[in-house]
Amino acid sequence: MTEERDWLTLGEVAERLGVTQRAVNKYIQQGKLAAYKAAVGNRTLVKVDDFEAFSQPRPRAPRKRAS
């Protein structure tokens, strides 16, 4: 029986996104990615569901043309 993980470390998030942990921290600080402090070990963790929602492609707003 395999156990499904509910949480990712910041390193795992960074690896999956192909960015640095510093970039992941920036996403968290900007409110783009939800993160939680673990009760034990003082680690910041991201829920897998939150990561999956964050990593989904989002449509870009159209650029305004200069007049």
N, C-alpha and C. Protein backbone atom coordinates (compact mmCIF):
# COMPACT_ATOMS: atom_id res chain seq x y z
N MET A 1 0.85 -1.17 0.00
CA MET A 1 0.00 0.00 0.00
C MET A 1 0.89 1.24 0.00
N THR A 2 0.63 2.17 -0.92
CA THR A 2 1.44 3.39 -0.97
C THR A 2 0.73 4.51 -0.23
N GLU A 3 1.52 5.32 0.42
CA GLU A 3 0.98 6.43 1.19
C GLU A 3 1.06 7.70 0.35
N GLU A 4 -0.05 8.38 0.19
CA GLU A 4 -0.08 9.62 -0.58
C GLU A 4 0.36 10.77 0.31
N ARG A 5 1.28 11.58 -0.20
CA ARG A 5 1.76 12.73 0.57
C ARG A 5 0.85 13.92 0.37
N ASP A 6 0.59 14.63 1.44
CA ASP A 6 -0.28 15.80 1.39
C ASP A 6 0.51 17.11 1.38
N TRP A 7 1.80 17.05 1.69
CA TRP A 7 2.60 18.25 1.86
C TRP A 7 3.89 18.17 1.04
N LEU A 8 4.39 19.34 0.62
CA LEU A 8 5.68 19.45 -0.07
C LEU A 8 6.55 20.45 0.67
N THR A 9 7.85 20.18 0.69
CA THR A 9 8.78 21.16 1.24
C THR A 9 9.01 22.24 0.18
N LEU A 10 9.61 23.35 0.60
CA LEU A 10 9.90 24.41 -0.36
C LEU A 10 10.89 23.94 -1.42
N GLY A 11 11.81 23.08 -1.04
CA GLY A 11 12.76 22.52 -2.00
C GLY A 11 12.07 21.67 -3.05
N GLU A 12 11.09 20.89 -2.62
CA GLU A 12 10.33 20.07 -3.57
C GLU A 12 9.51 20.93 -4.52
N VAL A 13 8.90 21.99 -3.99
CA VAL A 13 8.13 22.91 -4.82
C VAL A 13 9.06 23.55 -5.85
N ALA A 14 10.21 24.04 -5.40
CA ALA A 14 11.17 24.68 -6.30
C ALA A 14 11.61 23.72 -7.40
N GLU A 15 11.90 22.50 -7.04
CA GLU A 15 12.35 21.50 -8.01
C GLU A 15 11.26 21.23 -9.06
N ARG A 16 10.03 21.09 -8.61
CA ARG A 16 8.92 20.80 -9.53
C ARG A 16 8.64 21.97 -10.47
N LEU A 17 8.85 23.20 -9.98
CA LEU A 17 8.61 24.38 -10.81
C LEU A 17 9.82 24.76 -11.65
N GLY A 18 10.98 24.23 -11.30
CA GLY A 18 12.21 24.58 -12.01
C GLY A 18 12.71 25.97 -11.66
N VAL A 19 12.50 26.36 -10.39
CA VAL A 19 12.95 27.67 -9.90
C VAL A 19 13.74 27.46 -8.61
N THR A 20 14.25 28.55 -8.06
CA THR A 20 14.98 28.48 -6.80
C THR A 20 14.02 28.53 -5.61
N GLN A 21 14.51 28.14 -4.43
CA GLN A 21 13.70 28.26 -3.22
C GLN A 21 13.42 29.72 -2.92
N ARG A 22 14.33 30.59 -3.30
CA ARG A 22 14.12 32.03 -3.10
C ARG A 22 12.90 32.50 -3.90
N ALA A 23 12.75 31.99 -5.11
CA ALA A 23 11.59 32.35 -5.94
C ALA A 23 10.30 31.83 -5.29
N VAL A 24 10.35 30.62 -4.73
CA VAL A 24 9.17 30.05 -4.06
C VAL A 24 8.80 30.93 -2.87
N ASN A 25 9.78 31.34 -2.09
CA ASN A 25 9.52 32.24 -0.95
C ASN A 25 8.88 33.54 -1.42
N LYS A 26 9.31 34.04 -2.57
CA LYS A 26 8.73 35.27 -3.11
C LYS A 26 7.26 35.06 -3.47
N TYR A 27 6.94 33.92 -4.09
CA TYR A 27 5.54 33.61 -4.41
C TYR A 27 4.69 33.58 -3.14
N ILE A 28 5.26 33.02 -2.08
CA ILE A 28 4.55 32.93 -0.80
C ILE A 28 4.34 34.33 -0.22
N GLN A 29 5.39 35.14 -0.20
CA GLN A 29 5.30 36.50 0.35
C GLN A 29 4.32 37.36 -0.43
N GLN A 30 4.21 37.12 -1.74
CA GLN A 30 3.30 37.90 -2.58
C GLN A 30 1.86 37.39 -2.48
N GLY A 31 1.67 36.29 -1.76
CA GLY A 31 0.33 35.74 -1.60
C GLY A 31 -0.13 34.90 -2.78
N LYS A 32 0.78 34.55 -3.66
CA LYS A 32 0.43 33.75 -4.83
C LYS A 32 0.37 32.26 -4.52
N LEU A 33 1.08 31.83 -3.50
CA LEU A 33 1.15 30.42 -3.10
C LEU A 33 0.98 30.34 -1.59
N ALA A 34 0.02 29.53 -1.17
CA ALA A 34 -0.23 29.38 0.27
C ALA A 34 0.81 28.44 0.88
N ALA A 35 1.27 28.77 2.07
CA ALA A 35 2.24 27.94 2.78
C ALA A 35 1.91 27.96 4.27
N TYR A 36 2.39 26.95 4.96
CA TYR A 36 2.08 26.76 6.38
C TYR A 36 3.35 26.40 7.13
N LYS A 37 3.45 26.89 8.36
CA LYS A 37 4.57 26.52 9.24
C LYS A 37 4.24 25.21 9.93
N ALA A 38 5.16 24.26 9.86
CA ALA A 38 4.97 22.99 10.53
C ALA A 38 5.10 23.19 12.04
N ALA A 39 4.31 22.45 12.79
CA ALA A 39 4.33 22.58 14.25
C ALA A 39 5.65 22.08 14.82
N VAL A 40 6.23 21.11 14.17
CA VAL A 40 7.50 20.54 14.62
C VAL A 40 8.55 20.78 13.55
N GLY A 41 9.70 21.24 13.97
CA GLY A 41 10.80 21.40 13.03
C GLY A 41 10.88 22.77 12.37
N ASN A 42 9.93 23.65 12.65
CA ASN A 42 9.96 25.02 12.13
C ASN A 42 10.18 25.05 10.62
N ARG A 43 9.49 24.16 9.89
CA ARG A 43 9.61 24.09 8.44
C ARG A 43 8.38 24.70 7.79
N THR A 44 8.58 25.30 6.64
CA THR A 44 7.48 25.82 5.85
C THR A 44 7.09 24.76 4.84
N LEU A 45 5.80 24.45 4.78
CA LEU A 45 5.31 23.41 3.89
C LEU A 45 4.18 23.96 3.03
N VAL A 46 3.99 23.32 1.88
CA VAL A 46 2.93 23.69 0.94
C VAL A 46 2.05 22.47 0.73
N LYS A 47 0.74 22.67 0.81
CA LYS A 47 -0.18 21.56 0.54
C LYS A 47 -0.10 21.20 -0.94
N VAL A 48 -0.14 19.90 -1.24
CA VAL A 48 -0.08 19.44 -2.62
C VAL A 48 -1.20 20.08 -3.44
N ASP A 49 -2.40 20.15 -2.88
CA ASP A 49 -3.53 20.76 -3.59
C ASP A 49 -3.27 22.22 -3.93
N ASP A 50 -2.67 22.97 -3.00
CA ASP A 50 -2.35 24.37 -3.25
C ASP A 50 -1.28 24.49 -4.33
N PHE A 51 -0.29 23.59 -4.29
CA PHE A 51 0.75 23.59 -5.31
C PHE A 51 0.16 23.32 -6.69
N GLU A 52 -0.70 22.33 -6.77
CA GLU A 52 -1.30 21.97 -8.06
C GLU A 52 -2.13 23.11 -8.62
N ALA A 53 -2.88 23.80 -7.76
CA ALA A 53 -3.67 24.95 -8.21
C ALA A 53 -2.75 26.07 -8.69
N PHE A 54 -1.66 26.31 -7.97
CA PHE A 54 -0.72 27.35 -8.33
C PHE A 54 -0.02 27.05 -9.65
N SER A 55 0.30 25.80 -9.88
CA SER A 55 1.10 25.43 -11.05
C SER A 55 0.29 25.27 -12.33
N GLN A 56 -1.04 25.39 -12.23
CA GLN A 56 -1.89 25.31 -13.43
C GLN A 56 -1.69 26.57 -14.28
N PRO A 57 -1.64 26.40 -15.60
CA PRO A 57 -1.50 27.58 -16.46
C PRO A 57 -2.70 28.50 -16.29
N ARG A 58 -2.42 29.78 -16.21
CA ARG A 58 -3.47 30.78 -16.09
C ARG A 58 -3.43 31.67 -17.32
N PRO A 59 -4.59 32.07 -17.82
CA PRO A 59 -4.59 32.96 -18.99
C PRO A 59 -3.99 34.31 -18.62
N ARG A 60 -3.24 34.87 -19.53
CA ARG A 60 -2.64 36.18 -19.31
C ARG A 60 -3.61 37.27 -19.73
N ALA A 61 -3.53 38.38 -19.03
CA ALA A 61 -4.34 39.54 -19.40
C ALA A 61 -3.75 40.12 -20.68
N PRO A 62 -4.62 40.56 -21.59
CA PRO A 62 -4.10 41.15 -22.83
C PRO A 62 -3.34 42.44 -22.54
N ARG A 63 -2.28 42.65 -23.31
CA ARG A 63 -1.50 43.87 -23.15
C ARG A 63 -2.24 45.06 -23.74
N LYS A 64 -2.10 46.19 -23.09
CA LYS A 64 -2.69 47.41 -23.60
C LYS A 64 -1.74 47.99 -24.66
N ARG A 65 -2.31 48.39 -25.75
CA ARG A 65 -1.50 48.99 -26.82
C ARG A 65 -1.28 50.47 -26.54
N ALA A 66 -0.10 50.91 -26.88
CA ALA A 66 0.18 52.34 -26.76
C ALA A 66 -0.55 53.09 -27.86
N SER A 67 -1.15 54.23 -27.50
CA SER A 67 -1.87 54.98 -28.51
C SER A 67 -1.07 56.10 -29.09
